[in-house]
Amino acid sequence: MDLGLKGKRALVLASSKGLGFAVAKQFVLEGAEVILTSRSTEHLKAADAELDQLVNGNVTYYPADVSKKDDLNALVEFVDLHFGALDILVNNAGGPPSGPFMSLTDRQWQQAFELNLLSYVRMIRAAVPLMEKAGGGRILNIASSSIKRPIASLVLSNTFRLGIVGLTKTLSEELADQGILINTLAPGRILTDRVKELNRKQSERTGLTEEEIRRASEAEIPLHRYGRPEEFGKVAAFLVSEASTYVTGESLLVDGGLVRSI
């Protein structure tokens, strides 16, 4: 199936590695022009070099900390100068610290809010005028399976990921007349550095080995394995593509059936 992404202009946040990189890679494979961004210039250079080997010239990057308003403003200026308009925005950000509720400080709550919710708000606000110039667009907000089932010791993530769902649903109505579709995509246990880090911290808390934790985790998943980043990237590509023209305001899990809720 031709997803109609060839020549589409896409900005993918937190895309130098992990799920963001997997999404950007799939976009490039489908012929989109992609701007990568993350805090690390070193990681961006490596990601850019890898993607350029797939389709030379379709990728560029701009370093930015999505939790900082000035960085986002500079990023949007770069997108406007480079593309002139925008067809696709993928909001993404690294997960906030884990830990029980009583151990977390006001500062950690504020930082998680700015990283995992306010950055999405700011980027959407900035992207909408660029999408209007393009005649419409797609916004994809990456969240977590915690939007359906809270995850132990991830109260910060559980709280602000649900905020993303409310934002997405509200904006699906407000942006429809501009031809902008917006959805939430929620990964379950995909094999990324973030999942490995959470397993390591659980190992430290429980005394179980990381391998034991992984085996127990996989036993909970009906498909009995962690997801692969490229599997997540393919679903993201579909949702922002011309093959998906009547889906907006929805939240889709990519979790191998882990969450049993209807």
C-alpha atoms as a PDB file:
ATOM      1  CA  MET A   1       0.000   0.000   0.000  1.00  0.00           C
ATOM      2  CA  ASP A   2       1.263   3.462  -0.918  1.00  0.00           C
ATOM      3  CA  LEU A   3       0.887   5.566   2.224  1.00  0.00           C
ATOM      4  CA  GLY A   4       1.233   8.810   0.289  1.00  0.00           C
ATOM      5  CA  LEU A   5       4.094  10.093   2.441  1.00  0.00           C
ATOM      6  CA  LYS A   6       6.509  10.803  -0.397  1.00  0.00           C
ATOM      7  CA  GLY A   7       7.546  14.449  -0.233  1.00  0.00           C
ATOM      8  CA  LYS A   8       5.616  15.117   2.983  1.00  0.00           C
ATOM      9  CA  ARG A   9       7.392  17.427   5.414  1.00  0.00           C
ATOM     10  CA  ALA A  10       7.697  15.973   8.909  1.00  0.00           C
ATOM     11  CA  LEU A  11       9.108  17.097  12.248  1.00  0.00           C
ATOM     12  CA  VAL A  12       9.737  14.311  14.765  1.00  0.00           C
ATOM     13  CA  LEU A  13      10.666  15.295  18.312  1.00  0.00           C
ATOM     14  CA  ALA A  14      13.069  13.309  20.511  1.00  0.00           C
ATOM     15  CA  SER A  15      14.104  11.429  17.392  1.00  0.00           C
ATOM     16  CA  SER A  16      17.825  10.772  17.700  1.00  0.00           C
ATOM     17  CA  LYS A  17      17.140   7.319  19.178  1.00  0.00           C
ATOM     18  CA  GLY A  18      14.421   5.100  20.598  1.00  0.00           C
ATOM     19  CA  LEU A  19      10.832   5.315  19.408  1.00  0.00           C
ATOM     20  CA  GLY A  20      11.295   8.758  17.893  1.00  0.00           C
ATOM     21  CA  PHE A  21      14.106   7.484  15.700  1.00  0.00           C
ATOM     22  CA  ALA A  22      12.069   4.429  14.703  1.00  0.00           C
ATOM     23  CA  VAL A  23       9.220   6.693  13.605  1.00  0.00           C
ATOM     24  CA  ALA A  24      11.539   9.016  11.685  1.00  0.00           C
ATOM     25  CA  LYS A  25      13.192   6.048   9.984  1.00  0.00           C
ATOM     26  CA  GLN A  26       9.855   4.685   8.777  1.00  0.00           C
ATOM     27  CA  PHE A  27       8.892   8.123   7.449  1.00  0.00           C
ATOM     28  CA  VAL A  28      12.150   8.292   5.503  1.00  0.00           C
ATOM     29  CA  LEU A  29      11.594   4.821   4.089  1.00  0.00           C
ATOM     30  CA  GLU A  30       8.186   6.027   2.861  1.00  0.00           C
ATOM     31  CA  GLY A  31       9.776   9.013   1.116  1.00  0.00           C
ATOM     32  CA  ALA A  32       9.028  11.807   3.583  1.00  0.00           C
ATOM     33  CA  GLU A  33      11.401  14.683   4.283  1.00  0.00           C
ATOM     34  CA  VAL A  34      12.230  14.667   7.984  1.00  0.00           C
ATOM     35  CA  ILE A  35      13.699  17.049  10.526  1.00  0.00           C
ATOM     36  CA  LEU A  36      15.138  15.279  13.570  1.00  0.00           C
ATOM     37  CA  THR A  37      15.552  16.941  16.924  1.00  0.00           C
ATOM     38  CA  SER A  38      16.816  16.082  20.401  1.00  0.00           C
ATOM     39  CA  ARG A  39      19.075  17.596  23.048  1.00  0.00           C
ATOM     40  CA  SER A  40      22.205  15.758  21.897  1.00  0.00           C
ATOM     41  CA  THR A  41      23.960  17.030  18.797  1.00  0.00           C
ATOM     42  CA  GLU A  42      26.199  13.960  18.865  1.00  0.00           C
ATOM     43  CA  HIS A  43      23.227  11.579  18.785  1.00  0.00           C
ATOM     44  CA  LEU A  44      21.536  13.654  16.092  1.00  0.00           C
ATOM     45  CA  LYS A  45      24.597  13.485  13.858  1.00  0.00           C
ATOM     46  CA  ALA A  46      24.693   9.705  14.204  1.00  0.00           C
ATOM     47  CA  ALA A  47      20.965   9.375  13.509  1.00  0.00           C
ATOM     48  CA  ASP A  48      21.193  11.713  10.511  1.00  0.00           C
ATOM     49  CA  ALA A  49      24.097   9.725   9.063  1.00  0.00           C
ATOM     50  CA  GLU A  50      22.219   6.434   9.446  1.00  0.00           C
ATOM     51  CA  LEU A  51      19.059   7.752   7.799  1.00  0.00           C
ATOM     52  CA  ASP A  52      20.960   9.470   4.999  1.00  0.00           C
ATOM     53  CA  GLN A  53      22.243   6.046   3.981  1.00  0.00           C
ATOM     54  CA  LEU A  54      18.624   5.048   3.332  1.00  0.00           C
ATOM     55  CA  VAL A  55      17.562   8.102   1.316  1.00  0.00           C
ATOM     56  CA  ASN A  56      20.280  10.670   0.835  1.00  0.00           C
ATOM     57  CA  GLY A  57      19.205  14.278   1.318  1.00  0.00           C
ATOM     58  CA  ASN A  58      15.779  13.689   2.911  1.00  0.00           C
ATOM     59  CA  VAL A  59      16.926  14.244   6.494  1.00  0.00           C
ATOM     60  CA  THR A  60      18.268  17.160   8.488  1.00  0.00           C
ATOM     61  CA  TYR A  61      18.396  17.966  12.193  1.00  0.00           C
ATOM     62  CA  TYR A  62      18.226  20.771  14.721  1.00  0.00           C
ATOM     63  CA  PRO A  63      19.240  20.371  18.401  1.00  0.00           C
ATOM     64  CA  ALA A  64      16.579  21.407  20.905  1.00  0.00           C
ATOM     65  CA  ASP A  65      15.478  20.658  24.451  1.00  0.00           C
ATOM     66  CA  VAL A  66      11.707  20.251  24.116  1.00  0.00           C
ATOM     67  CA  SER A  67      11.177  21.265  27.755  1.00  0.00           C
ATOM     68  CA  LYS A  68      12.565  24.759  27.033  1.00  0.00           C
ATOM     69  CA  LYS A  69      10.335  27.338  25.382  1.00  0.00           C
ATOM     70  CA  ASP A  70      13.205  29.232  23.724  1.00  0.00           C
ATOM     71  CA  ASP A  71      14.572  26.038  22.194  1.00  0.00           C
ATOM     72  CA  LEU A  72      11.168  25.193  20.754  1.00  0.00           C
ATOM     73  CA  ASN A  73      10.758  28.681  19.317  1.00  0.00           C
ATOM     74  CA  ALA A  74      14.142  28.377  17.602  1.00  0.00           C
ATOM     75  CA  LEU A  75      13.209  24.911  16.310  1.00  0.00           C
ATOM     76  CA  VAL A  76       9.971  26.212  14.796  1.00  0.00           C
ATOM     77  CA  GLU A  77      11.859  29.048  13.095  1.00  0.00           C
ATOM     78  CA  PHE A  78      14.223  26.464  11.610  1.00  0.00           C
ATOM     79  CA  VAL A  79      11.306  24.336  10.376  1.00  0.00           C
ATOM     80  CA  ASP A  80       9.690  27.373   8.768  1.00  0.00           C
ATOM     81  CA  LEU A  81      12.928  28.385   7.027  1.00  0.00           C
ATOM     82  CA  HIS A  82      13.735  24.833   5.909  1.00  0.00           C
ATOM     83  CA  PHE A  83      10.272  23.632   4.866  1.00  0.00           C
ATOM     84  CA  GLY A  84       8.130  26.770   4.592  1.00  0.00           C
ATOM     85  CA  ALA A  85       5.179  24.693   5.824  1.00  0.00           C
ATOM     86  CA  LEU A  86       4.601  21.454   7.737  1.00  0.00           C
ATOM     87  CA  ASP A  87       2.571  18.337   6.958  1.00  0.00           C
ATOM     88  CA  ILE A  88       3.369  16.131   9.953  1.00  0.00           C
ATOM     89  CA  LEU A  89       4.250  16.760  13.592  1.00  0.00           C
ATOM     90  CA  VAL A  90       5.172  13.909  15.927  1.00  0.00           C
ATOM     91  CA  ASN A  91       5.299  14.999  19.540  1.00  0.00           C
ATOM     92  CA  ASN A  92       7.580  12.859  21.657  1.00  0.00           C
ATOM     93  CA  ALA A  93       9.669  13.220  24.803  1.00  0.00           C
ATOM     94  CA  GLY A  94      11.720  11.014  27.079  1.00  0.00           C
ATOM     95  CA  GLY A  95      10.001   9.547  30.106  1.00  0.00           C
ATOM     96  CA  PRO A  96      10.160  11.356  33.461  1.00  0.00           C
ATOM     97  CA  PRO A  97      11.862   9.828  36.526  1.00  0.00           C
ATOM     98  CA  SER A  98      10.329   6.777  38.142  1.00  0.00           C
ATOM     99  CA  GLY A  99       9.659   6.515  41.858  1.00  0.00           C
ATOM    100  CA  PRO A 100       6.855   6.330  44.436  1.00  0.00           C
ATOM    101  CA  PHE A 101       4.610   9.367  44.910  1.00  0.00           C
ATOM    102  CA  MET A 102       6.003  10.446  48.294  1.00  0.00           C
ATOM    103  CA  SER A 103       9.583  10.485  47.007  1.00  0.00           C
ATOM    104  CA  LEU A 104       8.969  13.057  44.266  1.00  0.00           C
ATOM    105  CA  THR A 105       9.575  16.774  44.749  1.00  0.00           C
ATOM    106  CA  ASP A 106       7.717  19.804  43.401  1.00  0.00           C
ATOM    107  CA  ARG A 107      10.637  20.426  41.075  1.00  0.00           C
ATOM    108  CA  GLN A 108      10.361  16.938  39.591  1.00  0.00           C
ATOM    109  CA  TRP A 109       6.627  17.419  39.063  1.00  0.00           C
ATOM    110  CA  GLN A 110       7.227  20.758  37.347  1.00  0.00           C
ATOM    111  CA  GLN A 111       9.965  19.333  35.131  1.00  0.00           C
ATOM    112  CA  ALA A 112       7.785  16.383  34.123  1.00  0.00           C
ATOM    113  CA  PHE A 113       4.908  18.734  33.289  1.00  0.00           C
ATOM    114  CA  GLU A 114       7.142  20.876  31.074  1.00  0.00           C
ATOM    115  CA  LEU A 115       8.732  17.860  29.383  1.00  0.00           C
ATOM    116  CA  ASN A 116       5.784  15.524  28.908  1.00  0.00           C
ATOM    117  CA  LEU A 117       2.775  17.805  28.478  1.00  0.00           C
ATOM    118  CA  LEU A 118       3.606  21.481  28.062  1.00  0.00           C
ATOM    119  CA  SER A 119       6.105  20.717  25.274  1.00  0.00           C
ATOM    120  CA  TYR A 120       3.267  19.086  23.313  1.00  0.00           C
ATOM    121  CA  VAL A 121       1.026  22.104  23.881  1.00  0.00           C
ATOM    122  CA  ARG A 122       3.716  24.511  22.722  1.00  0.00           C
ATOM    123  CA  MET A 123       4.630  22.494  19.646  1.00  0.00           C
ATOM    124  CA  ILE A 124       1.034  22.084  18.504  1.00  0.00           C
ATOM    125  CA  ARG A 125       0.399  25.796  18.957  1.00  0.00           C
ATOM    126  CA  ALA A 126       3.441  26.564  16.802  1.00  0.00           C
ATOM    127  CA  ALA A 127       2.783  23.865  14.208  1.00  0.00           C
ATOM    128  CA  VAL A 128      -0.832  24.688  13.399  1.00  0.00           C
ATOM    129  CA  PRO A 129      -0.050  27.857  11.386  1.00  0.00           C
ATOM    130  CA  LEU A 130       2.577  25.912   9.395  1.00  0.00           C
ATOM    131  CA  MET A 131       0.032  23.177   8.701  1.00  0.00           C
ATOM    132  CA  GLU A 132      -2.537  25.718   7.609  1.00  0.00           C
ATOM    133  CA  LYS A 133       0.009  26.909   5.038  1.00  0.00           C
ATOM    134  CA  ALA A 134       0.265  23.300   3.845  1.00  0.00           C
ATOM    135  CA  GLY A 135      -3.505  22.993   3.547  1.00  0.00           C
ATOM    136  CA  GLY A 136      -3.855  20.598   6.498  1.00  0.00           C
ATOM    137  CA  GLY A 137      -1.767  18.066   8.335  1.00  0.00           C
ATOM    138  CA  ARG A 138      -1.341  15.299  10.860  1.00  0.00           C
ATOM    139  CA  ILE A 139      -0.326  15.504  14.506  1.00  0.00           C
ATOM    140  CA  LEU A 140       0.700  12.388  16.386  1.00  0.00           C
ATOM    141  CA  ASN A 141       1.195  12.559  20.148  1.00  0.00           C
ATOM    142  CA  ILE A 142       3.277   9.711  21.540  1.00  0.00           C
ATOM    143  CA  ALA A 143       2.230   8.731  25.056  1.00  0.00           C
ATOM    144  CA  SER A 144       2.332   5.372  26.887  1.00  0.00           C
ATOM    145  CA  SER A 145       0.137   2.364  27.605  1.00  0.00           C
ATOM    146  CA  SER A 146      -0.321   3.992  31.020  1.00  0.00           C
ATOM    147  CA  ILE A 147      -3.141   6.015  29.417  1.00  0.00           C
ATOM    148  CA  LYS A 148      -5.192   2.824  29.843  1.00  0.00           C
ATOM    149  CA  ARG A 149      -3.526   1.175  32.840  1.00  0.00           C
ATOM    150  CA  PRO A 150      -1.290   3.086  35.290  1.00  0.00           C
ATOM    151  CA  ILE A 151       2.183   1.629  35.698  1.00  0.00           C
ATOM    152  CA  ALA A 152       3.612   1.125  39.184  1.00  0.00           C
ATOM    153  CA  SER A 153       6.299   3.637  40.248  1.00  0.00           C
ATOM    154  CA  LEU A 154       5.583   5.849  37.216  1.00  0.00           C
ATOM    155  CA  VAL A 155       3.168   8.330  38.775  1.00  0.00           C
ATOM    156  CA  LEU A 156       4.665  11.274  36.855  1.00  0.00           C
ATOM    157  CA  SER A 157       4.242   9.535  33.527  1.00  0.00           C
ATOM    158  CA  ASN A 158       0.807   8.174  34.459  1.00  0.00           C
ATOM    159  CA  THR A 159      -0.410  11.673  35.263  1.00  0.00           C
ATOM    160  CA  PHE A 160       0.859  13.668  32.303  1.00  0.00           C
ATOM    161  CA  ARG A 161       0.332  11.003  29.633  1.00  0.00           C
ATOM    162  CA  LEU A 162      -3.378  11.136  30.454  1.00  0.00           C
ATOM    163  CA  GLY A 163      -3.212  14.886  29.937  1.00  0.00           C
ATOM    164  CA  ILE A 164      -2.049  14.189  26.385  1.00  0.00           C
ATOM    165  CA  VAL A 165      -5.193  12.121  25.762  1.00  0.00           C
ATOM    166  CA  GLY A 166      -7.439  14.974  26.927  1.00  0.00           C
ATOM    167  CA  LEU A 167      -5.512  17.451  24.807  1.00  0.00           C
ATOM    168  CA  THR A 168      -5.731  15.234  21.729  1.00  0.00           C
ATOM    169  CA  LYS A 169      -9.452  14.613  22.052  1.00  0.00           C
ATOM    170  CA  THR A 170     -10.222  18.291  22.557  1.00  0.00           C
ATOM    171  CA  LEU A 171      -8.080  19.463  19.652  1.00  0.00           C
ATOM    172  CA  SER A 172      -9.498  16.863  17.265  1.00  0.00           C
ATOM    173  CA  GLU A 173     -12.661  18.964  17.181  1.00  0.00           C
ATOM    174  CA  GLU A 174     -10.976  22.365  17.215  1.00  0.00           C
ATOM    175  CA  LEU A 175      -8.568  21.528  14.375  1.00  0.00           C
ATOM    176  CA  ALA A 176     -10.902  19.551  12.113  1.00  0.00           C
ATOM    177  CA  ASP A 177     -12.004  22.563  10.071  1.00  0.00           C
ATOM    178  CA  GLN A 178      -8.351  23.256   9.211  1.00  0.00           C
ATOM    179  CA  GLY A 179      -7.947  19.753   7.834  1.00  0.00           C
ATOM    180  CA  ILE A 180      -5.677  18.711  10.704  1.00  0.00           C
ATOM    181  CA  LEU A 181      -6.077  15.238  12.186  1.00  0.00           C
ATOM    182  CA  ILE A 182      -4.606  14.519  15.611  1.00  0.00           C
ATOM    183  CA  ASN A 183      -4.216  11.211  17.436  1.00  0.00           C
ATOM    184  CA  THR A 184      -2.405   9.642  20.387  1.00  0.00           C
ATOM    185  CA  LEU A 185      -0.156   6.619  19.896  1.00  0.00           C
ATOM    186  CA  ALA A 186       0.675   4.685  23.045  1.00  0.00           C
ATOM    187  CA  PRO A 187       3.521   2.143  23.192  1.00  0.00           C
ATOM    188  CA  GLY A 188       3.533  -0.754  25.588  1.00  0.00           C
ATOM    189  CA  ARG A 189       6.756  -2.619  26.262  1.00  0.00           C
ATOM    190  CA  ILE A 190       8.841  -1.839  23.214  1.00  0.00           C
ATOM    191  CA  LEU A 191      12.510  -2.803  23.426  1.00  0.00           C
ATOM    192  CA  THR A 192      14.130   0.613  23.844  1.00  0.00           C
ATOM    193  CA  ASP A 193      16.703   2.092  26.207  1.00  0.00           C
ATOM    194  CA  ARG A 194      13.842   3.466  28.338  1.00  0.00           C
ATOM    195  CA  VAL A 195      12.400   0.000  28.944  1.00  0.00           C
ATOM    196  CA  LYS A 196      15.857  -1.374  29.683  1.00  0.00           C
ATOM    197  CA  GLU A 197      16.419   1.430  32.207  1.00  0.00           C
ATOM    198  CA  LEU A 198      13.108   0.738  33.953  1.00  0.00           C
ATOM    199  CA  ASN A 199      13.960  -2.970  34.145  1.00  0.00           C
ATOM    200  CA  ARG A 200      17.351  -2.115  35.620  1.00  0.00           C
ATOM    201  CA  LYS A 201      15.787   0.074  38.316  1.00  0.00           C
ATOM    202  CA  GLN A 202      13.237  -2.604  39.120  1.00  0.00           C
ATOM    203  CA  SER A 203      16.098  -5.058  39.446  1.00  0.00           C
ATOM    204  CA  GLU A 204      17.775  -2.769  41.962  1.00  0.00           C
ATOM    205  CA  ARG A 205      14.555  -2.468  43.981  1.00  0.00           C
ATOM    206  CA  THR A 206      13.572  -6.118  43.973  1.00  0.00           C
ATOM    207  CA  GLY A 207      16.834  -8.048  43.801  1.00  0.00           C
ATOM    208  CA  LEU A 208      15.626  -9.932  40.734  1.00  0.00           C
ATOM    209  CA  THR A 209      17.898 -10.064  37.713  1.00  0.00           C
ATOM    210  CA  GLU A 210      17.020  -8.013  34.664  1.00  0.00           C
ATOM    211  CA  GLU A 211      16.534 -11.246  32.706  1.00  0.00           C
ATOM    212  CA  GLU A 212      14.063 -12.521  35.303  1.00  0.00           C
ATOM    213  CA  ILE A 213      12.178  -9.229  35.114  1.00  0.00           C
ATOM    214  CA  ARG A 214      12.057  -9.378  31.347  1.00  0.00           C
ATOM    215  CA  ARG A 215      10.787 -12.969  31.307  1.00  0.00           C
ATOM    216  CA  ALA A 216       8.049 -12.110  33.821  1.00  0.00           C
ATOM    217  CA  SER A 217       7.131  -9.029  31.800  1.00  0.00           C
ATOM    218  CA  GLU A 218       6.922 -10.944  28.553  1.00  0.00           C
ATOM    219  CA  ALA A 219       4.736 -13.581  30.212  1.00  0.00           C
ATOM    220  CA  GLU A 220       2.099 -10.862  30.779  1.00  0.00           C
ATOM    221  CA  ILE A 221       1.981  -9.988  27.084  1.00  0.00           C
ATOM    222  CA  PRO A 222      -0.288 -12.182  24.933  1.00  0.00           C
ATOM    223  CA  LEU A 223       2.322 -12.168  22.148  1.00  0.00           C
ATOM    224  CA  HIS A 224       4.957 -13.215  24.758  1.00  0.00           C
ATOM    225  CA  ARG A 225       7.616 -10.750  23.644  1.00  0.00           C
ATOM    226  CA  TYR A 226       8.563  -7.106  23.724  1.00  0.00           C
ATOM    227  CA  GLY A 227       7.682  -5.061  20.683  1.00  0.00           C
ATOM    228  CA  ARG A 228      10.287  -3.970  18.162  1.00  0.00           C
ATOM    229  CA  PRO A 229      10.757  -0.221  17.537  1.00  0.00           C
ATOM    230  CA  GLU A 230      10.166  -0.705  13.814  1.00  0.00           C
ATOM    231  CA  GLU A 231       6.745  -2.204  14.559  1.00  0.00           C
ATOM    232  CA  PHE A 232       5.813   0.961  16.405  1.00  0.00           C
ATOM    233  CA  GLY A 233       7.203   3.111  13.589  1.00  0.00           C
ATOM    234  CA  LYS A 234       5.005   1.399  11.003  1.00  0.00           C
ATOM    235  CA  VAL A 235       1.834   2.127  12.975  1.00  0.00           C
ATOM    236  CA  ALA A 236       2.909   5.757  13.341  1.00  0.00           C
ATOM    237  CA  ALA A 237       3.486   6.024   9.589  1.00  0.00           C
ATOM    238  CA  PHE A 238      -0.006   4.704   8.880  1.00  0.00           C
ATOM    239  CA  LEU A 239      -1.712   7.161  11.256  1.00  0.00           C
ATOM    240  CA  VAL A 240      -0.077  10.215   9.646  1.00  0.00           C
ATOM    241  CA  SER A 241      -0.499   8.928   6.103  1.00  0.00           C
ATOM    242  CA  GLU A 242      -2.988   9.443   3.300  1.00  0.00           C
ATOM    243  CA  ALA A 243      -4.260   5.940   4.094  1.00  0.00           C
ATOM    244  CA  SER A 244      -5.691   7.319   7.345  1.00  0.00           C
ATOM    245  CA  THR A 245      -8.093  10.137   6.515  1.00  0.00           C
ATOM    246  CA  TYR A 246     -11.017   9.463   8.864  1.00  0.00           C
ATOM    247  CA  VAL A 247      -9.312   8.799  12.196  1.00  0.00           C
ATOM    248  CA  THR A 248      -8.886  11.709  14.607  1.00  0.00           C
ATOM    249  CA  GLY A 249      -9.040  12.207  18.366  1.00  0.00           C
ATOM    250  CA  GLU A 250      -8.274   8.541  18.991  1.00  0.00           C
ATOM    251  CA  SER A 251      -5.806   6.738  21.257  1.00  0.00           C
ATOM    252  CA  LEU A 252      -4.216   3.600  19.874  1.00  0.00           C
ATOM    253  CA  LEU A 253      -2.170   1.117  21.876  1.00  0.00           C
ATOM    254  CA  VAL A 254       0.799  -0.701  20.363  1.00  0.00           C
ATOM    255  CA  ASP A 255       1.379  -3.167  23.181  1.00  0.00           C
ATOM    256  CA  GLY A 256       1.011  -6.730  21.927  1.00  0.00           C
ATOM    257  CA  GLY A 257      -2.307  -7.025  23.804  1.00  0.00           C
ATOM    258  CA  LEU A 258      -0.802  -6.218  27.214  1.00  0.00           C
ATOM    259  CA  VAL A 259      -3.603  -3.922  28.376  1.00  0.00           C
ATOM    260  CA  ARG A 260      -6.805  -5.946  28.717  1.00  0.00           C
ATOM    261  CA  SER A 261      -9.229  -3.035  29.084  1.00  0.00           C
ATOM    262  CA  ILE A 262     -11.838  -2.489  26.368  1.00  0.00           C
END
